[in-house]
């Protein structure tokens, strides 16, 4: 059995706990959070308020990191330097540069770090990838991602790091829509350039954006468009659509639809857990189990830090484009970075 710990006991850690406790190959042996009142949630397990104490006193195989964004890279580095595998919540870091620093450390230590882009494991996404690979509808022409969500002021005041650029690295683009950006590049391939506008539609006293629109060009002349916002009153279904030469596929309301001139047909539906927030997606269990299997069997079949870098590039390009008002070419940007 893999001996597993969680560092950071915020909202999303509950989903990780569920997956760990449901696994046949893992045992949750300890937890860590700077807030000692969180111990009440884990009375039956050793509780630590300091990462140093956790790592010194527990024999661990895997640590799940569910901390604020600015702590992802430093704590991940600390853990892997103890030769312990890490399952890291998104984003990998505050920006592409920081994510690259972590990737360099992973390669230097030959460490095992998985990134929680669980939606790649959704049935809808997997079947969509199969359909695109078959070329049955011709070449991919375009991809669209829409995230129309709502966050009250209390979302930021209850946890002020979410509204801090230094601690969060951004707003909707890095905290909510990053999963959709990951899927867009996972489907469309290499990013070529980005033109974006980041703004605030709410009147909240926050440093990060609550709304973003972007036009993204990918390799092979694939066009992309994304829109995300936290300024709606509810969390509408995320929409991911691809247009091909002879038709289109759309993922919406946790279903994959094939749309033709004869109508719309549902091809597959994701099973959404009723025990957690539905917008987290249905596949944390699958992503975590895949990571555990990779550790046990010495495989590489999991989402690595390197796999997660393109979404970090997309976010950084959107920031710079919005700041300058210009389209940013990825190649030029990387050479200048």
Protein backbone atom coordinates (compact mmCIF):
# COMPACT_ATOMS: atom_id res chain seq x y z
CA UNK A 1 0.00 0.00 0.00
CA UNK A 2 1.20 3.48 -0.82
CA UNK A 3 1.51 5.69 2.24
CA UNK A 4 -0.13 9.00 1.31
CA UNK A 5 -0.40 12.43 2.93
CA UNK A 6 -2.27 15.61 2.00
CA UNK A 7 -0.70 19.05 2.48
CA UNK A 8 -3.31 21.82 2.43
CA UNK A 9 -6.84 21.06 3.61
CA UNK A 10 -8.83 23.63 1.65
CA UNK A 11 -11.93 23.02 -0.47
CA UNK A 12 -10.47 20.78 -3.16
CA UNK A 13 -8.60 18.56 -0.68
CA UNK A 14 -11.91 16.84 0.10
CA UNK A 15 -12.00 15.42 -3.43
CA UNK A 16 -8.45 14.12 -3.03
CA UNK A 17 -9.37 12.57 0.31
CA UNK A 18 -12.31 10.77 -1.28
CA UNK A 19 -10.12 9.36 -4.04
CA UNK A 20 -7.37 8.25 -1.66
CA UNK A 21 -9.80 6.53 0.70
CA UNK A 22 -11.54 4.81 -2.22
CA UNK A 23 -8.27 3.46 -3.61
CA UNK A 24 -7.26 -0.17 -3.09
CA UNK A 25 -3.56 0.71 -3.34
CA UNK A 26 -3.26 3.76 -1.07
CA UNK A 27 -3.64 4.61 2.59
CA UNK A 28 -4.06 8.17 3.88
CA UNK A 29 -1.63 8.16 6.81
CA UNK A 30 -1.27 11.88 7.66
CA UNK A 31 -2.45 15.41 6.84
CA UNK A 32 -0.95 18.89 7.16
CA UNK A 33 -2.38 22.41 7.33
CA UNK A 34 -1.29 25.60 9.07
CA UNK A 35 -4.79 25.96 10.54
CA UNK A 36 -4.94 23.69 13.63
CA UNK A 37 -8.75 23.75 13.62
CA UNK A 38 -8.64 21.55 10.49
CA UNK A 39 -7.58 18.68 12.75
CA UNK A 40 -11.26 18.24 13.57
CA UNK A 41 -11.79 16.97 10.02
CA UNK A 42 -9.17 14.25 10.46
CA UNK A 43 -9.37 13.14 14.10
CA UNK A 44 -8.30 9.60 13.26
CA UNK A 45 -5.01 10.56 11.54
CA UNK A 46 -1.77 12.29 12.53
CA UNK A 47 -2.11 16.03 11.97
CA UNK A 48 0.75 18.46 11.35
CA UNK A 49 0.86 22.23 11.02
CA UNK A 50 4.40 22.28 9.55
CA UNK A 51 5.56 20.53 6.39
CA UNK A 52 9.02 19.97 7.91
CA UNK A 53 7.50 17.99 10.78
CA UNK A 54 5.35 15.92 8.45
CA UNK A 55 8.28 14.94 6.26
CA UNK A 56 10.55 14.25 9.22
CA UNK A 57 8.14 12.06 11.19
CA UNK A 58 6.19 10.16 8.52
CA UNK A 59 7.39 7.53 6.05
CA UNK A 60 5.59 8.59 2.87
CA UNK A 61 5.35 7.38 -0.71
CA UNK A 62 3.10 10.14 -2.08
CA UNK A 63 2.10 13.65 -1.03
CA UNK A 64 -0.94 15.43 -2.48
CA UNK A 65 -0.38 19.21 -2.56
CA UNK A 66 -3.62 21.24 -2.34
CA UNK A 67 -2.18 24.61 -1.31
CA UNK A 68 -2.53 28.20 -2.56
CA UNK A 69 -0.80 28.64 -5.91
CA UNK A 70 2.32 30.43 -4.67
CA UNK A 71 3.19 27.43 -2.49
CA UNK A 72 2.90 24.75 -5.17
CA UNK A 73 6.44 24.91 -6.50
CA UNK A 74 8.38 25.49 -3.26
CA UNK A 75 6.55 22.74 -1.37
CA UNK A 76 6.73 20.34 -4.31
CA UNK A 77 10.48 20.89 -4.49
CA UNK A 78 10.80 20.28 -0.77
CA UNK A 79 8.89 17.01 -1.01
CA UNK A 80 10.63 15.57 -4.06
CA UNK A 81 13.99 16.34 -2.52
CA UNK A 82 12.96 13.80 0.13
CA UNK A 83 12.46 11.27 -2.70
CA UNK A 84 8.68 11.31 -2.24
CA UNK A 85 6.29 11.40 -5.20
CA UNK A 86 3.95 14.40 -5.55
CA UNK A 87 0.44 14.71 -6.92
CA UNK A 88 0.06 18.45 -7.51
CA UNK A 89 -3.15 20.42 -7.81
CA UNK A 90 -3.31 22.91 -10.67
CA UNK A 91 -1.73 25.24 -11.53
CA UNK A 92 1.81 23.88 -11.63
CA UNK A 93 3.07 27.32 -10.55
CA UNK A 94 2.35 31.01 -10.69
CA UNK A 95 3.69 31.25 -14.25
CA UNK A 96 5.57 29.37 -16.94
CA UNK A 97 9.01 30.32 -15.61
CA UNK A 98 8.25 28.94 -12.16
CA UNK A 99 6.76 25.79 -13.68
CA UNK A 100 9.94 25.29 -15.71
CA UNK A 101 12.02 25.56 -12.54
CA UNK A 102 9.98 22.74 -11.03
CA UNK A 103 10.31 20.68 -14.22
CA UNK A 104 14.10 21.14 -14.12
CA UNK A 105 14.15 19.87 -10.52
CA UNK A 106 11.96 16.90 -11.49
CA UNK A 107 14.38 15.97 -14.24
CA UNK A 108 17.45 16.48 -12.04
CA UNK A 109 16.10 14.20 -9.33
CA UNK A 110 14.30 11.80 -11.69
CA UNK A 111 11.31 12.56 -9.48
CA UNK A 112 7.68 11.53 -9.96
CA UNK A 113 5.29 14.50 -10.05
CA UNK A 114 1.78 14.23 -11.43
CA UNK A 115 -0.43 17.23 -12.19
CA UNK A 116 -4.16 17.21 -11.46
CA UNK A 117 -5.64 17.85 -14.90
CA UNK A 118 -8.35 15.30 -14.17
CA UNK A 119 -10.65 16.28 -17.03
CA UNK A 120 -8.35 14.57 -19.52
CA UNK A 121 -9.70 11.34 -18.03
CA UNK A 122 -13.37 12.20 -18.64
CA UNK A 123 -15.20 9.72 -20.85
CA UNK A 124 -16.31 12.61 -23.06
CA UNK A 125 -12.74 13.85 -23.59
CA UNK A 126 -11.34 10.39 -24.19
CA UNK A 127 -13.95 9.60 -26.84
CA UNK A 128 -13.46 13.01 -28.44
CA UNK A 129 -9.74 12.31 -28.74
CA UNK A 130 -10.52 8.97 -30.38
CA UNK A 131 -12.92 10.59 -32.84
CA UNK A 132 -10.37 13.24 -33.80
CA UNK A 133 -7.63 10.62 -34.24
CA UNK A 134 -9.86 8.60 -36.59
CA UNK A 135 -10.14 11.58 -39.01
CA UNK A 136 -13.67 10.39 -39.82
CA UNK A 137 -14.87 13.98 -40.09
CA UNK A 138 -11.74 15.32 -41.71
CA UNK A 139 -9.21 17.82 -40.42
CA UNK A 140 -9.61 19.81 -37.21
CA UNK A 141 -10.33 23.45 -38.03
CA UNK A 142 -11.19 25.13 -34.74
CA UNK A 143 -11.66 24.67 -31.00
CA UNK A 144 -13.71 26.75 -28.56
CA UNK A 145 -13.73 26.78 -24.75
CA UNK A 146 -16.33 28.59 -22.62
CA UNK A 147 -16.36 28.87 -18.82
CA UNK A 148 -19.22 31.02 -17.52
CA UNK A 149 -19.15 30.89 -13.74
CA UNK A 150 -19.94 33.09 -10.79
CA UNK A 151 -18.03 33.88 -7.61
CA UNK A 152 -19.41 36.09 -4.81
CA UNK A 153 -17.25 38.64 -3.04
CA UNK A 154 -17.00 36.24 -0.11
CA UNK A 155 -15.05 33.83 -2.33
CA UNK A 156 -12.18 36.32 -2.25
CA UNK A 157 -12.64 37.78 1.24
CA UNK A 158 -12.82 34.35 2.89
CA UNK A 159 -9.50 33.39 1.28
CA UNK A 160 -7.74 36.64 0.30
CA UNK A 161 -4.93 34.87 -1.57
CA UNK A 162 -7.40 34.21 -4.39
CA UNK A 163 -7.58 37.93 -5.18
CA UNK A 164 -3.84 38.53 -4.87
CA UNK A 165 -1.76 38.51 -8.08
CA UNK A 166 1.39 37.65 -6.12
CA UNK A 167 -0.24 34.63 -4.50
CA UNK A 168 -2.72 33.41 -7.14
CA UNK A 169 -0.96 34.41 -10.36
CA UNK A 170 -4.25 35.49 -11.90
CA UNK A 171 -7.98 35.08 -11.53
CA UNK A 172 -10.34 33.18 -13.79
CA UNK A 173 -7.59 32.21 -16.25
CA UNK A 174 -5.48 30.33 -13.71
CA UNK A 175 -8.02 29.30 -11.09
CA UNK A 176 -11.12 28.30 -13.06
CA UNK A 177 -10.47 28.13 -16.82
CA UNK A 178 -7.03 26.50 -16.71
CA UNK A 179 -8.58 23.04 -17.08
CA UNK A 180 -10.32 24.17 -20.27
CA UNK A 181 -7.12 25.72 -21.65
CA UNK A 182 -5.36 22.44 -20.95
CA UNK A 183 -7.99 20.54 -22.92
CA UNK A 184 -7.86 23.02 -25.80
CA UNK A 185 -4.12 22.56 -26.32
CA UNK A 186 -4.42 18.81 -25.58
CA UNK A 187 -6.80 18.61 -28.53
CA UNK A 188 -5.42 21.26 -30.89
CA UNK A 189 -1.67 20.86 -30.37
CA UNK A 190 1.09 23.44 -30.22
CA UNK A 191 0.16 27.05 -29.53
CA UNK A 192 1.28 29.51 -32.19
CA UNK A 193 0.09 32.91 -30.93
CA UNK A 194 -2.46 34.57 -28.63
CA UNK A 195 -4.45 37.81 -28.59
CA UNK A 196 -6.33 38.35 -25.32
CA UNK A 197 -8.14 40.85 -23.14
CA UNK A 198 -8.34 40.45 -19.36
CA UNK A 199 -10.70 42.63 -17.37
CA UNK A 200 -12.97 42.96 -14.36
CA UNK A 201 -16.73 43.14 -14.69
CA UNK A 202 -17.43 42.92 -10.97
CA UNK A 203 -16.57 45.74 -8.59
CA UNK A 204 -14.68 43.52 -6.17
CA UNK A 205 -11.51 44.96 -4.60
CA UNK A 206 -9.21 42.31 -6.11
CA UNK A 207 -5.98 42.47 -8.09
CA UNK A 208 -6.79 39.58 -10.43
CA UNK A 209 -9.08 39.54 -13.46
CA UNK A 210 -12.56 38.04 -13.29
CA UNK A 211 -13.13 37.87 -17.07
CA UNK A 212 -10.96 36.90 -20.03
CA UNK A 213 -11.44 36.48 -23.77
CA UNK A 214 -8.79 35.20 -26.14
CA UNK A 215 -8.22 34.23 -29.75
CA UNK A 216 -5.58 31.53 -30.00
CA UNK A 217 -3.94 30.19 -33.13
CA UNK A 218 -2.56 26.68 -32.95
CA UNK A 219 -0.26 24.79 -35.27
CA UNK A 220 -1.71 23.23 -38.45
CA UNK A 221 -3.90 26.32 -38.93
CA UNK A 222 -6.28 25.42 -36.10
CA UNK A 223 -8.12 28.46 -34.75
CA UNK A 224 -9.18 28.77 -31.13
CA UNK A 225 -11.41 31.01 -29.06
CA UNK A 226 -11.87 31.05 -25.29
CA UNK A 227 -13.99 33.03 -22.87
CA UNK A 228 -14.08 32.67 -19.11
CA UNK A 229 -15.67 34.73 -16.36
CA UNK A 230 -16.45 34.68 -12.66
CA UNK A 231 -18.96 37.50 -13.10
CA UNK A 232 -22.06 35.36 -13.76
CA UNK A 233 -24.51 34.44 -10.98
CA UNK A 234 -24.06 30.67 -11.24
CA UNK A 235 -21.75 27.99 -12.60
CA UNK A 236 -22.95 27.15 -16.09
CA UNK A 237 -21.71 24.03 -17.80
CA UNK A 238 -18.25 24.31 -19.31
CA UNK A 239 -18.44 24.02 -23.10
CA UNK A 240 -15.71 22.60 -25.31
CA UNK A 241 -16.40 22.47 -29.03
CA UNK A 242 -14.37 21.38 -32.03
CA UNK A 243 -15.20 22.09 -35.66
CA UNK A 244 -13.95 19.75 -38.37
CA UNK A 245 -14.20 19.71 -42.14
CA UNK A 246 -17.32 17.50 -42.06
CA UNK A 247 -18.99 18.31 -38.76
CA UNK A 248 -18.50 19.22 -35.14
CA UNK A 249 -18.39 17.74 -31.67
CA UNK A 250 -19.45 19.54 -28.49
CA UNK A 251 -18.92 18.68 -24.85
CA UNK A 252 -21.54 20.36 -22.67
CA UNK A 253 -23.53 19.36 -19.58
CA UNK A 254 -21.07 16.46 -19.15
CA UNK A 255 -22.10 14.95 -22.49
CA UNK A 256 -20.34 14.62 -25.85
CA UNK A 257 -22.59 15.51 -28.77
CA UNK A 258 -22.09 14.79 -32.47
CA UNK A 259 -23.87 17.48 -34.46
CA UNK A 260 -24.64 17.05 -38.17
CA UNK A 261 -27.22 18.45 -40.57
CA UNK A 262 -29.48 15.62 -39.37
CA UNK A 263 -29.46 16.75 -35.76
CA UNK A 264 -27.58 16.21 -32.51
CA UNK A 265 -26.72 12.85 -30.96
CA UNK A 266 -25.24 12.19 -27.50
CA UNK A 267 -22.31 9.79 -27.84
CA UNK A 268 -21.30 9.40 -24.19
CA UNK A 269 -21.97 10.99 -20.80
CA UNK A 270 -19.67 11.56 -17.87
CA UNK A 271 -20.74 10.24 -14.49
CA UNK A 272 -20.67 13.21 -12.13
CA UNK A 273 -20.21 12.69 -8.40
CA UNK A 274 -22.96 14.05 -6.16
CA UNK A 275 -20.56 14.11 -3.19
CA UNK A 276 -18.46 17.06 -4.43
CA UNK A 277 -18.87 20.19 -6.50
CA UNK A 278 -19.89 19.06 -9.99
CA UNK A 279 -17.72 21.66 -11.71
CA UNK A 280 -14.62 19.95 -10.29
CA UNK A 281 -15.25 17.32 -12.98
CA UNK A 282 -15.91 13.61 -12.53
CA UNK A 283 -12.45 12.11 -12.95
CA UNK A 284 -10.26 12.86 -9.94
CA UNK A 285 -10.46 9.20 -8.99
CA UNK A 286 -9.29 8.08 -12.43
CA UNK A 287 -6.43 10.61 -12.53
CA UNK A 288 -5.21 9.70 -9.06
CA UNK A 289 -5.49 5.95 -9.64
CA UNK A 290 -3.53 6.31 -12.88
CA UNK A 291 -0.81 8.17 -10.98
CA UNK A 292 -0.69 5.50 -8.27
CA UNK A 293 -0.45 2.72 -10.86
CA UNK A 294 2.41 4.54 -12.56
CA UNK A 295 4.31 4.71 -9.26
CA UNK A 296 3.69 1.07 -8.37
CA UNK A 297 4.58 -0.27 -11.82
CA UNK A 298 7.30 2.25 -12.67
CA UNK A 299 5.33 3.62 -15.62
CA UNK A 300 5.05 7.09 -17.14
CA UNK A 301 1.32 6.99 -17.88
CA UNK A 302 0.28 10.10 -15.96
CA UNK A 303 0.12 13.87 -16.56
CA UNK A 304 3.62 15.21 -15.93
CA UNK A 305 4.84 18.72 -15.17
CA UNK A 306 6.10 18.90 -18.75
CA UNK A 307 2.62 17.96 -20.01
CA UNK A 308 1.21 20.88 -18.03
CA UNK A 309 3.61 23.52 -19.37
CA UNK A 310 1.58 24.46 -22.51
CA UNK A 311 -1.38 25.65 -20.44
CA UNK A 312 1.00 27.80 -18.38
CA UNK A 313 2.39 29.26 -21.61
CA UNK A 314 -1.14 30.06 -22.78
CA UNK A 315 -1.90 31.89 -19.52
CA UNK A 316 1.32 33.92 -19.65
CA UNK A 317 0.72 34.85 -23.29
CA UNK A 318 -2.80 36.01 -22.43
CA UNK A 319 -1.45 38.22 -19.64
CA UNK A 320 1.18 39.84 -21.84
CA UNK A 321 -1.21 40.31 -24.74
CA UNK A 322 -3.74 42.02 -22.48
CA UNK A 323 -1.06 44.26 -20.97
CA UNK A 324 0.38 45.31 -24.35
CA UNK A 325 -2.74 45.17 -26.50
CA UNK A 326 -0.78 43.10 -29.01
CA UNK A 327 -0.88 39.58 -30.38
CA UNK A 328 1.96 37.59 -28.80
CA UNK A 329 3.83 34.99 -30.83
CA UNK A 330 4.85 32.04 -28.68
CA UNK A 331 8.18 31.48 -30.43
CA UNK A 332 9.24 35.11 -30.09
CA UNK A 333 8.07 35.17 -26.46
CA UNK A 334 10.04 32.07 -25.53
CA UNK A 335 13.21 33.43 -27.16
CA UNK A 336 12.86 36.67 -25.20
CA UNK A 337 12.05 34.96 -21.89
